[in-house]
């Protein structure tokens, strides 16, 4: 399993679920599709997922998640990135390049209007669930490793500083009336 194959799996799961389905439905479907693959590929998918989570471990994205969800702990940031994974590669890559681009995403706009939070804990266990479903056993602990990069020190400020966030993420700040 490589990143391209993983993203194809997510795209297929998204296509198989209703257009307005939440991340949980996409994660469940991705797990079902993955469970039909060979055991080694299922286990390898967990490493790809954690590599993508490490790739998205960025302060600007954390600040965006903080604004979108009205706060964001360590676990909350993991779950937000799980939701982001279920949105597909295009949204994921755009958010990494410019977290403020999330202001255009329909679910983010709905979250702003309705006071919803965007997170998906189930997305973090797609491979775990698929492996257990396919084999009846837990995913071997040595199937993956994770190593987060250091966070950008230029974003080391209090995310409750509305003026600073407005300067760095102006579109999200306006959408969430973060002032």
C-alpha atoms as a PDB file:
ATOM      1  CA  UNK A   1       0.000   0.000   0.000  1.00  0.00           C
ATOM      2  CA  UNK A   2       1.332   3.402  -0.955  1.00  0.00           C
ATOM      3  CA  UNK A   3      -0.154   6.878  -0.613  1.00  0.00           C
ATOM      4  CA  UNK A   4      -1.699   6.833  -4.081  1.00  0.00           C
ATOM      5  CA  UNK A   5      -3.471   3.548  -3.374  1.00  0.00           C
ATOM      6  CA  UNK A   6      -4.583   4.804   0.038  1.00  0.00           C
ATOM      7  CA  UNK A   7      -6.083   7.945  -1.507  1.00  0.00           C
ATOM      8  CA  UNK A   8      -7.819   5.824  -4.146  1.00  0.00           C
ATOM      9  CA  UNK A   9      -9.335   3.811  -1.298  1.00  0.00           C
ATOM     10  CA  UNK A  10     -10.614   7.012   0.334  1.00  0.00           C
ATOM     11  CA  UNK A  11     -11.970   8.281  -3.003  1.00  0.00           C
ATOM     12  CA  UNK A  12     -13.832   5.016  -3.581  1.00  0.00           C
ATOM     13  CA  UNK A  13     -15.232   5.092  -0.045  1.00  0.00           C
ATOM     14  CA  UNK A  14     -16.369   8.696  -0.580  1.00  0.00           C
ATOM     15  CA  UNK A  15     -18.014   7.746  -3.883  1.00  0.00           C
ATOM     16  CA  UNK A  16     -19.755   4.772  -2.214  1.00  0.00           C
ATOM     17  CA  UNK A  17     -21.285   6.914   0.541  1.00  0.00           C
ATOM     18  CA  UNK A  18     -23.941   9.592   0.284  1.00  0.00           C
ATOM     19  CA  UNK A  19     -22.724  13.004  -0.852  1.00  0.00           C
ATOM     20  CA  UNK A  20     -23.590  14.463   2.538  1.00  0.00           C
ATOM     21  CA  UNK A  21     -22.157  11.534   4.517  1.00  0.00           C
ATOM     22  CA  UNK A  22     -19.978  12.380   7.474  1.00  0.00           C
ATOM     23  CA  UNK A  23     -16.381  11.268   7.896  1.00  0.00           C
ATOM     24  CA  UNK A  24     -17.450   8.273   9.998  1.00  0.00           C
ATOM     25  CA  UNK A  25     -19.388   6.808   7.049  1.00  0.00           C
ATOM     26  CA  UNK A  26     -16.399   7.313   4.749  1.00  0.00           C
ATOM     27  CA  UNK A  27     -14.044   5.748   7.328  1.00  0.00           C
ATOM     28  CA  UNK A  28     -16.370   2.747   7.779  1.00  0.00           C
ATOM     29  CA  UNK A  29     -16.606   2.189   4.032  1.00  0.00           C
ATOM     30  CA  UNK A  30     -12.847   2.578   3.598  1.00  0.00           C
ATOM     31  CA  UNK A  31     -12.358  -0.048   6.315  1.00  0.00           C
ATOM     32  CA  UNK A  32     -14.741  -2.419   4.532  1.00  0.00           C
ATOM     33  CA  UNK A  33     -12.924  -1.954   1.225  1.00  0.00           C
ATOM     34  CA  UNK A  34      -9.539  -2.358   2.873  1.00  0.00           C
ATOM     35  CA  UNK A  35     -10.624  -5.557   4.660  1.00  0.00           C
ATOM     36  CA  UNK A  36     -11.019  -7.229   1.258  1.00  0.00           C
ATOM     37  CA  UNK A  37      -7.327  -6.729   0.490  1.00  0.00           C
ATOM     38  CA  UNK A  38      -4.400  -8.993   1.493  1.00  0.00           C
ATOM     39  CA  UNK A  39      -3.343  -8.853   5.168  1.00  0.00           C
ATOM     40  CA  UNK A  40       0.047  -7.336   4.383  1.00  0.00           C
ATOM     41  CA  UNK A  41      -1.593  -4.532   2.431  1.00  0.00           C
ATOM     42  CA  UNK A  42      -4.055  -3.859   5.250  1.00  0.00           C
ATOM     43  CA  UNK A  43      -1.198  -3.614   7.756  1.00  0.00           C
ATOM     44  CA  UNK A  44       0.769  -1.365   5.392  1.00  0.00           C
ATOM     45  CA  UNK A  45      -2.224   0.981   5.155  1.00  0.00           C
ATOM     46  CA  UNK A  46      -1.790   1.862   8.833  1.00  0.00           C
ATOM     47  CA  UNK A  47       1.734   3.122   8.150  1.00  0.00           C
ATOM     48  CA  UNK A  48       0.501   5.208   5.225  1.00  0.00           C
ATOM     49  CA  UNK A  49      -2.236   6.683   7.421  1.00  0.00           C
ATOM     50  CA  UNK A  50       0.235   7.593  10.170  1.00  0.00           C
ATOM     51  CA  UNK A  51       2.635   9.047   7.605  1.00  0.00           C
ATOM     52  CA  UNK A  52      -0.181  11.313   6.391  1.00  0.00           C
ATOM     53  CA  UNK A  53      -1.001  12.275   9.968  1.00  0.00           C
ATOM     54  CA  UNK A  54       2.658  13.164  10.537  1.00  0.00           C
ATOM     55  CA  UNK A  55       2.700  15.141   7.300  1.00  0.00           C
ATOM     56  CA  UNK A  56      -0.329  17.122   8.488  1.00  0.00           C
ATOM     57  CA  UNK A  57       1.093  17.774  11.970  1.00  0.00           C
ATOM     58  CA  UNK A  58       1.556  21.476  11.337  1.00  0.00           C
ATOM     59  CA  UNK A  59       0.917  24.501  13.499  1.00  0.00           C
ATOM     60  CA  UNK A  60      -1.022  26.475  10.856  1.00  0.00           C
ATOM     61  CA  UNK A  61      -3.411  23.547  10.389  1.00  0.00           C
ATOM     62  CA  UNK A  62      -3.737  23.193  14.167  1.00  0.00           C
ATOM     63  CA  UNK A  63      -4.660  26.883  14.370  1.00  0.00           C
ATOM     64  CA  UNK A  64      -7.313  26.329  11.696  1.00  0.00           C
ATOM     65  CA  UNK A  65      -8.684  23.324  13.597  1.00  0.00           C
ATOM     66  CA  UNK A  66      -8.726  25.430  16.761  1.00  0.00           C
ATOM     67  CA  UNK A  67     -10.852  28.062  15.060  1.00  0.00           C
ATOM     68  CA  UNK A  68     -13.162  25.595  13.317  1.00  0.00           C
ATOM     69  CA  UNK A  69     -13.811  23.476  16.403  1.00  0.00           C
ATOM     70  CA  UNK A  70     -13.794  26.246  18.994  1.00  0.00           C
ATOM     71  CA  UNK A  71     -10.649  24.851  20.610  1.00  0.00           C
ATOM     72  CA  UNK A  72      -8.412  21.898  19.854  1.00  0.00           C
ATOM     73  CA  UNK A  73      -6.484  19.632  22.238  1.00  0.00           C
ATOM     74  CA  UNK A  74      -3.789  17.187  21.116  1.00  0.00           C
ATOM     75  CA  UNK A  75      -6.392  14.436  20.653  1.00  0.00           C
ATOM     76  CA  UNK A  76      -8.768  16.904  19.059  1.00  0.00           C
ATOM     77  CA  UNK A  77      -6.129  17.772  16.481  1.00  0.00           C
ATOM     78  CA  UNK A  78      -5.669  14.065  15.696  1.00  0.00           C
ATOM     79  CA  UNK A  79      -9.429  13.688  15.230  1.00  0.00           C
ATOM     80  CA  UNK A  80      -9.635  16.822  13.093  1.00  0.00           C
ATOM     81  CA  UNK A  81      -6.900  15.435  10.844  1.00  0.00           C
ATOM     82  CA  UNK A  82      -8.865  12.172  10.731  1.00  0.00           C
ATOM     83  CA  UNK A  83     -11.815  14.154   9.396  1.00  0.00           C
ATOM     84  CA  UNK A  84      -9.500  15.889   6.936  1.00  0.00           C
ATOM     85  CA  UNK A  85      -8.281  12.504   5.642  1.00  0.00           C
ATOM     86  CA  UNK A  86     -11.864  11.441   4.915  1.00  0.00           C
ATOM     87  CA  UNK A  87     -12.304  14.513   2.707  1.00  0.00           C
ATOM     88  CA  UNK A  88      -9.878  13.116   0.127  1.00  0.00           C
ATOM     89  CA  UNK A  89      -6.480  14.016  -1.204  1.00  0.00           C
ATOM     90  CA  UNK A  90      -7.429  17.267  -2.949  1.00  0.00           C
ATOM     91  CA  UNK A  91      -8.893  18.817   0.206  1.00  0.00           C
ATOM     92  CA  UNK A  92      -6.093  17.366   2.358  1.00  0.00           C
ATOM     93  CA  UNK A  93      -3.312  18.719   0.143  1.00  0.00           C
ATOM     94  CA  UNK A  94      -4.994  22.114  -0.209  1.00  0.00           C
ATOM     95  CA  UNK A  95      -5.385  22.397   3.571  1.00  0.00           C
ATOM     96  CA  UNK A  96      -1.711  21.573   4.099  1.00  0.00           C
ATOM     97  CA  UNK A  97      -0.652  24.153   1.533  1.00  0.00           C
ATOM     98  CA  UNK A  98      -3.054  26.798   2.871  1.00  0.00           C
ATOM     99  CA  UNK A  99      -5.191  25.983   5.924  1.00  0.00           C
ATOM    100  CA  UNK A 100      -7.219  29.130   5.267  1.00  0.00           C
ATOM    101  CA  UNK A 101      -8.520  27.400   2.102  1.00  0.00           C
ATOM    102  CA  UNK A 102     -10.739  25.334   4.388  1.00  0.00           C
ATOM    103  CA  UNK A 103     -13.023  28.393   4.546  1.00  0.00           C
ATOM    104  CA  UNK A 104     -14.336  27.293   1.119  1.00  0.00           C
ATOM    105  CA  UNK A 105     -15.166  23.722   2.180  1.00  0.00           C
ATOM    106  CA  UNK A 106     -18.939  23.135   2.469  1.00  0.00           C
ATOM    107  CA  UNK A 107     -18.616  21.208   5.758  1.00  0.00           C
ATOM    108  CA  UNK A 108     -16.506  23.985   7.269  1.00  0.00           C
ATOM    109  CA  UNK A 109     -19.046  26.576   6.154  1.00  0.00           C
ATOM    110  CA  UNK A 110     -21.814  24.460   7.668  1.00  0.00           C
ATOM    111  CA  UNK A 111     -19.804  24.077  10.879  1.00  0.00           C
ATOM    112  CA  UNK A 112     -19.516  27.857  11.095  1.00  0.00           C
ATOM    113  CA  UNK A 113     -23.244  28.363  10.508  1.00  0.00           C
ATOM    114  CA  UNK A 114     -24.456  25.558  12.779  1.00  0.00           C
ATOM    115  CA  UNK A 115     -21.778  25.552  15.486  1.00  0.00           C
ATOM    116  CA  UNK A 116     -20.645  22.028  14.572  1.00  0.00           C
ATOM    117  CA  UNK A 117     -17.260  20.453  15.215  1.00  0.00           C
ATOM    118  CA  UNK A 118     -15.361  18.604  12.510  1.00  0.00           C
ATOM    119  CA  UNK A 119     -13.528  15.535  13.709  1.00  0.00           C
ATOM    120  CA  UNK A 120     -13.428  11.831  12.993  1.00  0.00           C
ATOM    121  CA  UNK A 121     -11.785   9.496  15.463  1.00  0.00           C
ATOM    122  CA  UNK A 122     -12.846   6.432  13.409  1.00  0.00           C
ATOM    123  CA  UNK A 123     -10.671   7.540  10.492  1.00  0.00           C
ATOM    124  CA  UNK A 124      -7.584   6.932  12.627  1.00  0.00           C
ATOM    125  CA  UNK A 125      -8.428   3.242  12.930  1.00  0.00           C
ATOM    126  CA  UNK A 126      -9.373   2.354   9.350  1.00  0.00           C
ATOM    127  CA  UNK A 127      -6.581  -0.211   9.060  1.00  0.00           C
ATOM    128  CA  UNK A 128      -7.059  -1.508  12.629  1.00  0.00           C
ATOM    129  CA  UNK A 129     -10.730  -2.156  11.954  1.00  0.00           C
ATOM    130  CA  UNK A 130     -10.062  -3.679   8.532  1.00  0.00           C
ATOM    131  CA  UNK A 131      -7.338  -5.981   9.869  1.00  0.00           C
ATOM    132  CA  UNK A 132      -9.516  -7.228  12.713  1.00  0.00           C
ATOM    133  CA  UNK A 133     -12.438  -7.745  10.344  1.00  0.00           C
ATOM    134  CA  UNK A 134     -10.298  -9.675   7.863  1.00  0.00           C
ATOM    135  CA  UNK A 135      -8.292 -11.771  10.325  1.00  0.00           C
ATOM    136  CA  UNK A 136     -10.128 -11.790  13.638  1.00  0.00           C
ATOM    137  CA  UNK A 137      -6.905 -10.513  15.242  1.00  0.00           C
ATOM    138  CA  UNK A 138      -5.545  -7.130  16.229  1.00  0.00           C
ATOM    139  CA  UNK A 139      -3.183  -5.345  13.906  1.00  0.00           C
ATOM    140  CA  UNK A 140       0.383  -6.227  14.953  1.00  0.00           C
ATOM    141  CA  UNK A 141       1.905  -3.388  16.961  1.00  0.00           C
ATOM    142  CA  UNK A 142       5.083  -3.513  14.874  1.00  0.00           C
ATOM    143  CA  UNK A 143       3.186  -2.777  11.633  1.00  0.00           C
ATOM    144  CA  UNK A 144       3.746   0.938  11.915  1.00  0.00           C
ATOM    145  CA  UNK A 145       5.701   3.703  13.564  1.00  0.00           C
ATOM    146  CA  UNK A 146       4.906   7.351  13.943  1.00  0.00           C
ATOM    147  CA  UNK A 147       7.210  10.260  14.383  1.00  0.00           C
ATOM    148  CA  UNK A 148       5.826  13.771  14.391  1.00  0.00           C
ATOM    149  CA  UNK A 149       8.003  16.612  13.149  1.00  0.00           C
ATOM    150  CA  UNK A 150       8.597  19.598  15.404  1.00  0.00           C
ATOM    151  CA  UNK A 151       5.960  22.294  15.206  1.00  0.00           C
ATOM    152  CA  UNK A 152       6.775  25.617  13.552  1.00  0.00           C
ATOM    153  CA  UNK A 153       8.047  27.967  16.288  1.00  0.00           C
ATOM    154  CA  UNK A 154       6.770  31.004  14.361  1.00  0.00           C
ATOM    155  CA  UNK A 155       3.245  29.746  15.169  1.00  0.00           C
ATOM    156  CA  UNK A 156       3.989  29.370  18.882  1.00  0.00           C
ATOM    157  CA  UNK A 157       1.406  31.835  20.158  1.00  0.00           C
ATOM    158  CA  UNK A 158      -1.863  31.595  22.042  1.00  0.00           C
ATOM    159  CA  UNK A 159      -4.551  30.515  19.569  1.00  0.00           C
ATOM    160  CA  UNK A 160      -6.992  32.603  21.607  1.00  0.00           C
ATOM    161  CA  UNK A 161      -5.201  35.679  20.228  1.00  0.00           C
ATOM    162  CA  UNK A 162      -7.925  36.671  17.759  1.00  0.00           C
ATOM    163  CA  UNK A 163      -5.904  39.459  16.161  1.00  0.00           C
ATOM    164  CA  UNK A 164      -2.978  37.132  15.445  1.00  0.00           C
ATOM    165  CA  UNK A 165      -5.258  34.438  14.010  1.00  0.00           C
ATOM    166  CA  UNK A 166      -7.122  36.991  11.896  1.00  0.00           C
ATOM    167  CA  UNK A 167      -3.815  38.147  10.428  1.00  0.00           C
ATOM    168  CA  UNK A 168      -2.684  34.589   9.655  1.00  0.00           C
ATOM    169  CA  UNK A 169      -6.008  32.929   8.733  1.00  0.00           C
ATOM    170  CA  UNK A 170      -8.200  35.834   7.617  1.00  0.00           C
ATOM    171  CA  UNK A 171     -10.854  33.871   5.728  1.00  0.00           C
ATOM    172  CA  UNK A 172     -11.461  31.371   8.538  1.00  0.00           C
ATOM    173  CA  UNK A 173     -11.384  34.184  11.052  1.00  0.00           C
ATOM    174  CA  UNK A 174     -14.099  36.044   9.145  1.00  0.00           C
ATOM    175  CA  UNK A 175     -16.164  32.883   8.654  1.00  0.00           C
ATOM    176  CA  UNK A 176     -16.080  31.998  12.340  1.00  0.00           C
ATOM    177  CA  UNK A 177     -16.327  35.639  13.453  1.00  0.00           C
ATOM    178  CA  UNK A 178     -13.150  35.098  15.434  1.00  0.00           C
ATOM    179  CA  UNK A 179     -12.566  38.458  17.002  1.00  0.00           C
END
